[in-house]
C-alpha cells in the first residue's frame, strides 16, 4: 500500500518540460536531426533536475523574531 505524500514540487513545470522534450525527440527522430534530439535530451534533463530545486519561500515564512 502506498502512502500519500505531500504536493509534488514544480509538478506543472515538470509535466510541461517532459511534454516538450518528448515532442522534440519524436520530431528529431522523424526528421533525422541529431541536434534536435540533443535539445530534447537537454529539456528532459532540466525537467528531472527540477525535482531537486528548492521550494519557493512563502512571504510569511520569514523569521523576524530577534
PDB file of N, CA and C in Angstrom:
ATOM      1  N   UNK A   1       0.842  -1.177   0.000  1.00  0.00           N
ATOM      2  CA  UNK A   1       0.000   0.000   0.000  1.00  0.00           C
ATOM      3  C   UNK A   1       0.888   1.241   0.000  1.00  0.00           C
ATOM      4  N   UNK A   2       0.611   2.162  -0.866  1.00  0.00           N
ATOM      5  CA  UNK A   2       1.397   3.386  -0.961  1.00  0.00           C
ATOM      6  C   UNK A   2       0.847   4.449  -0.036  1.00  0.00           C
ATOM      7  N   UNK A   3       1.740   5.172   0.568  1.00  0.00           N
ATOM      8  CA  UNK A   3       1.323   6.283   1.417  1.00  0.00           C
ATOM      9  C   UNK A   3       1.237   7.543   0.574  1.00  0.00           C
ATOM     10  N   UNK A   4       0.267   8.357   0.906  1.00  0.00           N
ATOM     11  CA  UNK A   4       0.108   9.620   0.180  1.00  0.00           C
ATOM     12  C   UNK A   4       1.186  10.598   0.650  1.00  0.00           C
ATOM     13  N   UNK A   5       1.867  11.176  -0.302  1.00  0.00           N
ATOM     14  CA  UNK A   5       2.871  12.184   0.018  1.00  0.00           C
ATOM     15  C   UNK A   5       2.265  13.552  -0.197  1.00  0.00           C
ATOM     16  N   UNK A   6       2.967  14.557   0.221  1.00  0.00           N
ATOM     17  CA  UNK A   6       2.510  15.929   0.057  1.00  0.00           C
ATOM     18  C   UNK A   6       2.542  16.342  -1.404  1.00  0.00           C
ATOM     19  N   UNK A   7       2.277  17.593  -1.669  1.00  0.00           N
ATOM     20  CA  UNK A   7       2.274  18.067  -3.054  1.00  0.00           C
ATOM     21  C   UNK A   7       3.670  17.960  -3.681  1.00  0.00           C
ATOM     22  N   UNK A   8       3.698  17.605  -4.938  1.00  0.00           N
ATOM     23  CA  UNK A   8       4.957  17.456  -5.659  1.00  0.00           C
ATOM     24  C   UNK A   8       5.427  18.833  -6.105  1.00  0.00           C
ATOM     25  N   UNK A   9       6.693  19.110  -5.816  1.00  0.00           N
ATOM     26  CA  UNK A   9       7.237  20.423  -6.163  1.00  0.00           C
ATOM     27  C   UNK A   9       7.356  20.591  -7.672  1.00  0.00           C
ATOM     28  N   UNK A  10       6.985  21.738  -8.151  1.00  0.00           N
ATOM     29  CA  UNK A  10       7.146  22.127  -9.557  1.00  0.00           C
ATOM     30  C   UNK A  10       6.517  21.122 -10.525  1.00  0.00           C
ATOM     31  N   UNK A  11       5.418  20.515 -10.139  1.00  0.00           N
ATOM     32  CA  UNK A  11       4.813  19.462 -10.956  1.00  0.00           C
ATOM     33  C   UNK A  11       4.366  19.989 -12.320  1.00  0.00           C
ATOM     34  N   UNK A  12       3.731  21.147 -12.334  1.00  0.00           N
ATOM     35  CA  UNK A  12       3.241  21.680 -13.618  1.00  0.00           C
ATOM     36  C   UNK A  12       4.381  21.940 -14.583  1.00  0.00           C
ATOM     37  N   UNK A  13       5.487  22.500 -14.106  1.00  0.00           N
ATOM     38  CA  UNK A  13       6.617  22.781 -14.984  1.00  0.00           C
ATOM     39  C   UNK A  13       7.285  21.488 -15.441  1.00  0.00           C
ATOM     40  N   UNK A  14       7.348  20.499 -14.561  1.00  0.00           N
ATOM     41  CA  UNK A  14       7.944  19.232 -14.953  1.00  0.00           C
ATOM     42  C   UNK A  14       7.118  18.556 -16.037  1.00  0.00           C
ATOM     43  N   UNK A  15       5.807  18.587 -15.917  1.00  0.00           N
ATOM     44  CA  UNK A  15       4.942  17.988 -16.943  1.00  0.00           C
ATOM     45  C   UNK A  15       5.114  18.712 -18.267  1.00  0.00           C
ATOM     46  N   UNK A  16       5.153  20.033 -18.221  1.00  0.00           N
ATOM     47  CA  UNK A  16       5.340  20.808 -19.460  1.00  0.00           C
ATOM     48  C   UNK A  16       6.669  20.482 -20.127  1.00  0.00           C
ATOM     49  N   UNK A  17       7.739  20.452 -19.324  1.00  0.00           N
ATOM     50  CA  UNK A  17       9.058  20.174 -19.892  1.00  0.00           C
ATOM     51  C   UNK A  17       9.143  18.766 -20.464  1.00  0.00           C
ATOM     52  N   UNK A  18       8.565  17.782 -19.781  1.00  0.00           N
ATOM     53  CA  UNK A  18       8.585  16.425 -20.317  1.00  0.00           C
ATOM     54  C   UNK A  18       7.770  16.328 -21.606  1.00  0.00           C
ATOM     55  N   UNK A  19       6.666  17.040 -21.690  1.00  0.00           N
ATOM     56  CA  UNK A  19       5.878  17.047 -22.924  1.00  0.00           C
ATOM     57  C   UNK A  19       6.639  17.664 -24.077  1.00  0.00           C
ATOM     58  N   UNK A  20       7.247  18.813 -23.825  1.00  0.00           N
ATOM     59  CA  UNK A  20       8.034  19.483 -24.871  1.00  0.00           C
ATOM     60  C   UNK A  20       9.226  18.622 -25.276  1.00  0.00           C
ATOM     61  N   UNK A  21       9.898  18.026 -24.285  1.00  0.00           N
ATOM     62  CA  UNK A  21      11.039  17.169 -24.599  1.00  0.00           C
ATOM     63  C   UNK A  21      10.648  15.960 -25.428  1.00  0.00           C
ATOM     64  N   UNK A  22       9.504  15.364 -25.111  1.00  0.00           N
ATOM     65  CA  UNK A  22       9.046  14.201 -25.874  1.00  0.00           C
ATOM     66  C   UNK A  22       8.709  14.586 -27.311  1.00  0.00           C
ATOM     67  N   UNK A  23       8.035  15.711 -27.479  1.00  0.00           N
ATOM     68  CA  UNK A  23       7.684  16.166 -28.838  1.00  0.00           C
ATOM     69  C   UNK A  23       8.949  16.468 -29.642  1.00  0.00           C
ATOM     70  N   UNK A  24       9.901  17.167 -29.005  1.00  0.00           N
ATOM     71  CA  UNK A  24      11.153  17.472 -29.705  1.00  0.00           C
ATOM     72  C   UNK A  24      11.896  16.197 -30.085  1.00  0.00           C
ATOM     73  N   UNK A  25      11.895  15.204 -29.216  1.00  0.00           N
ATOM     74  CA  UNK A  25      12.588  13.950 -29.517  1.00  0.00           C
ATOM     75  C   UNK A  25      11.942  13.224 -30.690  1.00  0.00           C
ATOM     76  N   UNK A  26      10.621  13.169 -30.698  1.00  0.00           N
ATOM     77  CA  UNK A  26       9.931  12.473 -31.796  1.00  0.00           C
ATOM     78  C   UNK A  26      10.155  13.195 -33.118  1.00  0.00           C
ATOM     79  N   UNK A  27      10.067  14.516 -33.097  1.00  0.00           N
ATOM     80  CA  UNK A  27      10.294  15.290 -34.331  1.00  0.00           C
ATOM     81  C   UNK A  27      11.748  15.128 -34.787  1.00  0.00           C
ATOM     82  N   UNK A  28      12.681  15.150 -33.833  1.00  0.00           N
ATOM     83  CA  UNK A  28      14.087  14.974 -34.190  1.00  0.00           C
ATOM     84  C   UNK A  28      14.372  13.608 -34.789  1.00  0.00           C
ATOM     85  N   UNK A  29      13.723  12.569 -34.247  1.00  0.00           N
ATOM     86  CA  UNK A  29      13.921  11.226 -34.808  1.00  0.00           C
ATOM     87  C   UNK A  29      13.275  11.104 -36.180  1.00  0.00           C
ATOM     88  N   UNK A  30      12.083  11.685 -36.345  1.00  0.00           N
ATOM     89  CA  UNK A  30      11.399  11.596 -37.636  1.00  0.00           C
ATOM     90  C   UNK A  30      12.150  12.364 -38.719  1.00  0.00           C
ATOM     91  N   UNK A  31      12.742  13.499 -38.346  1.00  0.00           N
ATOM     92  CA  UNK A  31      13.456  14.320 -39.318  1.00  0.00           C
ATOM     93  C   UNK A  31      14.931  13.953 -39.413  1.00  0.00           C
ATOM     94  N   UNK A  32      15.378  12.993 -38.596  1.00  0.00           N
ATOM     95  CA  UNK A  32      16.778  12.556 -38.575  1.00  0.00           C
ATOM     96  C   UNK A  32      17.702  13.745 -38.331  1.00  0.00           C
ATOM     97  N   UNK A  33      17.348  14.541 -37.322  1.00  0.00           N
ATOM     98  CA  UNK A  33      18.145  15.702 -36.945  1.00  0.00           C
ATOM     99  C   UNK A  33      18.759  15.467 -35.570  1.00  0.00           C
ATOM    100  N   UNK A  34      20.018  15.082 -35.515  1.00  0.00           N
ATOM    101  CA  UNK A  34      20.647  14.778 -34.222  1.00  0.00           C
ATOM    102  C   UNK A  34      20.669  15.983 -33.265  1.00  0.00           C
ATOM    103  N   UNK A  35      20.800  17.179 -33.793  1.00  0.00           N
ATOM    104  CA  UNK A  35      20.843  18.354 -32.913  1.00  0.00           C
ATOM    105  C   UNK A  35      19.511  18.548 -32.198  1.00  0.00           C
ATOM    106  N   UNK A  36      18.408  18.218 -32.862  1.00  0.00           N
ATOM    107  CA  UNK A  36      17.091  18.358 -32.250  1.00  0.00           C
ATOM    108  C   UNK A  36      16.887  17.302 -31.157  1.00  0.00           C
ATOM    109  N   UNK A  37      17.421  16.129 -31.370  1.00  0.00           N
ATOM    110  CA  UNK A  37      17.370  15.086 -30.342  1.00  0.00           C
ATOM    111  C   UNK A  37      18.185  15.517 -29.127  1.00  0.00           C
ATOM    112  N   UNK A  38      19.340  16.139 -29.362  1.00  0.00           N
ATOM    113  CA  UNK A  38      20.162  16.623 -28.251  1.00  0.00           C
ATOM    114  C   UNK A  38      19.443  17.727 -27.473  1.00  0.00           C
ATOM    115  N   UNK A  39      18.738  18.606 -28.162  1.00  0.00           N
ATOM    116  CA  UNK A  39      17.960  19.644 -27.482  1.00  0.00           C
ATOM    117  C   UNK A  39      16.872  18.990 -26.634  1.00  0.00           C
ATOM    118  N   UNK A  40      16.237  17.959 -27.161  1.00  0.00           N
ATOM    119  CA  UNK A  40      15.201  17.243 -26.407  1.00  0.00           C
ATOM    120  C   UNK A  40      15.784  16.617 -25.146  1.00  0.00           C
ATOM    121  N   UNK A  41      16.972  16.056 -25.247  1.00  0.00           N
ATOM    122  CA  UNK A  41      17.614  15.460 -24.077  1.00  0.00           C
ATOM    123  C   UNK A  41      17.894  16.521 -23.026  1.00  0.00           C
ATOM    124  N   UNK A  42      18.360  17.680 -23.448  1.00  0.00           N
ATOM    125  CA  UNK A  42      18.632  18.772 -22.508  1.00  0.00           C
ATOM    126  C   UNK A  42      17.344  19.203 -21.809  1.00  0.00           C
ATOM    127  N   UNK A  43      16.256  19.328 -22.553  1.00  0.00           N
ATOM    128  CA  UNK A  43      14.973  19.723 -21.965  1.00  0.00           C
ATOM    129  C   UNK A  43      14.512  18.679 -20.957  1.00  0.00           C
ATOM    130  N   UNK A  44      14.656  17.404 -21.279  1.00  0.00           N
ATOM    131  CA  UNK A  44      14.257  16.341 -20.359  1.00  0.00           C
ATOM    132  C   UNK A  44      15.118  16.325 -19.097  1.00  0.00           C
ATOM    133  N   UNK A  45      16.400  16.580 -19.240  1.00  0.00           N
ATOM    134  CA  UNK A  45      17.287  16.623 -18.071  1.00  0.00           C
ATOM    135  C   UNK A  45      16.913  17.797 -17.167  1.00  0.00           C
ATOM    136  N   UNK A  46      16.562  18.927 -17.752  1.00  0.00           N
ATOM    137  CA  UNK A  46      16.117  20.073 -16.942  1.00  0.00           C
ATOM    138  C   UNK A  46      14.867  19.698 -16.165  1.00  0.00           C
ATOM    139  N   UNK A  47      13.958  18.966 -16.790  1.00  0.00           N
ATOM    140  CA  UNK A  47      12.763  18.517 -16.096  1.00  0.00           C
ATOM    141  C   UNK A  47      13.078  17.616 -14.919  1.00  0.00           C
ATOM    142  N   UNK A  48      14.064  16.747 -15.070  1.00  0.00           N
ATOM    143  CA  UNK A  48      14.471  15.871 -13.972  1.00  0.00           C
ATOM    144  C   UNK A  48      15.133  16.686 -12.865  1.00  0.00           C
ATOM    145  N   UNK A  49      15.959  17.657 -13.230  1.00  0.00           N
ATOM    146  CA  UNK A  49      16.670  18.456 -12.229  1.00  0.00           C
ATOM    147  C   UNK A  49      15.732  19.353 -11.427  1.00  0.00           C
ATOM    148  N   UNK A  50      14.549  19.642 -11.951  1.00  0.00           N
ATOM    149  CA  UNK A  50      13.589  20.444 -11.190  1.00  0.00           C
ATOM    150  C   UNK A  50      13.163  19.743  -9.901  1.00  0.00           C
ATOM    151  N   UNK A  51      13.332  18.440  -9.862  1.00  0.00           N
ATOM    152  CA  UNK A  51      12.994  17.697  -8.640  1.00  0.00           C
ATOM    153  C   UNK A  51      13.842  18.162  -7.471  1.00  0.00           C
ATOM    154  N   UNK A  52      15.056  18.605  -7.761  1.00  0.00           N
ATOM    155  CA  UNK A  52      15.987  18.991  -6.716  1.00  0.00           C
ATOM    156  C   UNK A  52      16.003  20.498  -6.458  1.00  0.00           C
ATOM    157  N   UNK A  53      15.193  21.249  -7.179  1.00  0.00           N
ATOM    158  CA  UNK A  53      15.133  22.696  -6.987  1.00  0.00           C
ATOM    159  C   UNK A  53      14.482  23.005  -5.643  1.00  0.00           C
ATOM    160  N   UNK A  54      14.934  24.056  -4.969  1.00  0.00           N
ATOM    161  CA  UNK A  54      14.338  24.384  -3.668  1.00  0.00           C
ATOM    162  C   UNK A  54      12.914  24.893  -3.829  1.00  0.00           C
ATOM    163  N   UNK A  55      12.131  24.698  -2.776  1.00  0.00           N
ATOM    164  CA  UNK A  55      10.759  25.176  -2.798  1.00  0.00           C
ATOM    165  C   UNK A  55      10.746  26.692  -2.704  1.00  0.00           C
ATOM    166  N   UNK A  56       9.821  27.345  -3.395  1.00  0.00           N
ATOM    167  CA  UNK A  56       9.719  28.801  -3.260  1.00  0.00           C
ATOM    168  C   UNK A  56       9.272  29.165  -1.855  1.00  0.00           C
ATOM    169  N   UNK A  57       9.849  30.223  -1.312  1.00  0.00           N
ATOM    170  CA  UNK A  57       9.502  30.643   0.043  1.00  0.00           C
ATOM    171  C   UNK A  57       8.211  31.431   0.026  1.00  0.00           C
ATOM    172  N   UNK A  58       7.403  31.184   1.013  1.00  0.00           N
ATOM    173  CA  UNK A  58       6.178  31.956   1.189  1.00  0.00           C
ATOM    174  C   UNK A  58       6.557  33.293   1.798  1.00  0.00           C
ATOM    175  N   UNK A  59       5.757  34.317   1.557  1.00  0.00           N
ATOM    176  CA  UNK A  59       6.077  35.644   2.066  1.00  0.00           C
ATOM    177  C   UNK A  59       5.987  35.694   3.595  1.00  0.00           C
ATOM    178  N   UNK A  60       5.215  34.822   4.206  1.00  0.00           N
ATOM    179  CA  UNK A  60       5.072  34.806   5.649  1.00  0.00           C
ATOM    180  C   UNK A  60       6.043  33.897   6.364  1.00  0.00           C
ATOM    181  N   UNK A  61       6.988  33.262   5.629  1.00  0.00           N
ATOM    182  CA  UNK A  61       7.921  32.315   6.232  1.00  0.00           C
ATOM    183  C   UNK A  61       9.130  32.966   6.869  1.00  0.00           C
ATOM    184  N   UNK A  62       9.293  34.247   6.720  1.00  0.00           N
ATOM    185  CA  UNK A  62      10.489  34.906   7.220  1.00  0.00           C
ATOM    186  C   UNK A  62      10.493  34.933   8.747  1.00  0.00           C
ATOM    187  N   UNK A  63      11.638  34.648   9.311  1.00  0.00           N
ATOM    188  CA  UNK A  63      11.772  34.647  10.767  1.00  0.00           C
ATOM    189  C   UNK A  63      12.201  36.045  11.207  1.00  0.00           C
ATOM    190  N   UNK A  64      11.298  36.798  11.800  1.00  0.00           N
ATOM    191  CA  UNK A  64      11.587  38.178  12.194  1.00  0.00           C
ATOM    192  C   UNK A  64      11.729  38.318  13.700  1.00  0.00           C
ATOM    193  N   UNK A  65      11.758  37.201  14.441  1.00  0.00           N
ATOM    194  CA  UNK A  65      11.872  37.291  15.895  1.00  0.00           C
ATOM    195  C   UNK A  65      13.342  37.422  16.286  1.00  0.00           C
ATOM    196  N   UNK A  66      13.718  38.575  16.768  1.00  0.00           N
ATOM    197  CA  UNK A  66      15.094  38.817  17.196  1.00  0.00           C
ATOM    198  C   UNK A  66      15.117  39.379  18.576  1.00  0.00           C
TER     199      UNK A  66
END
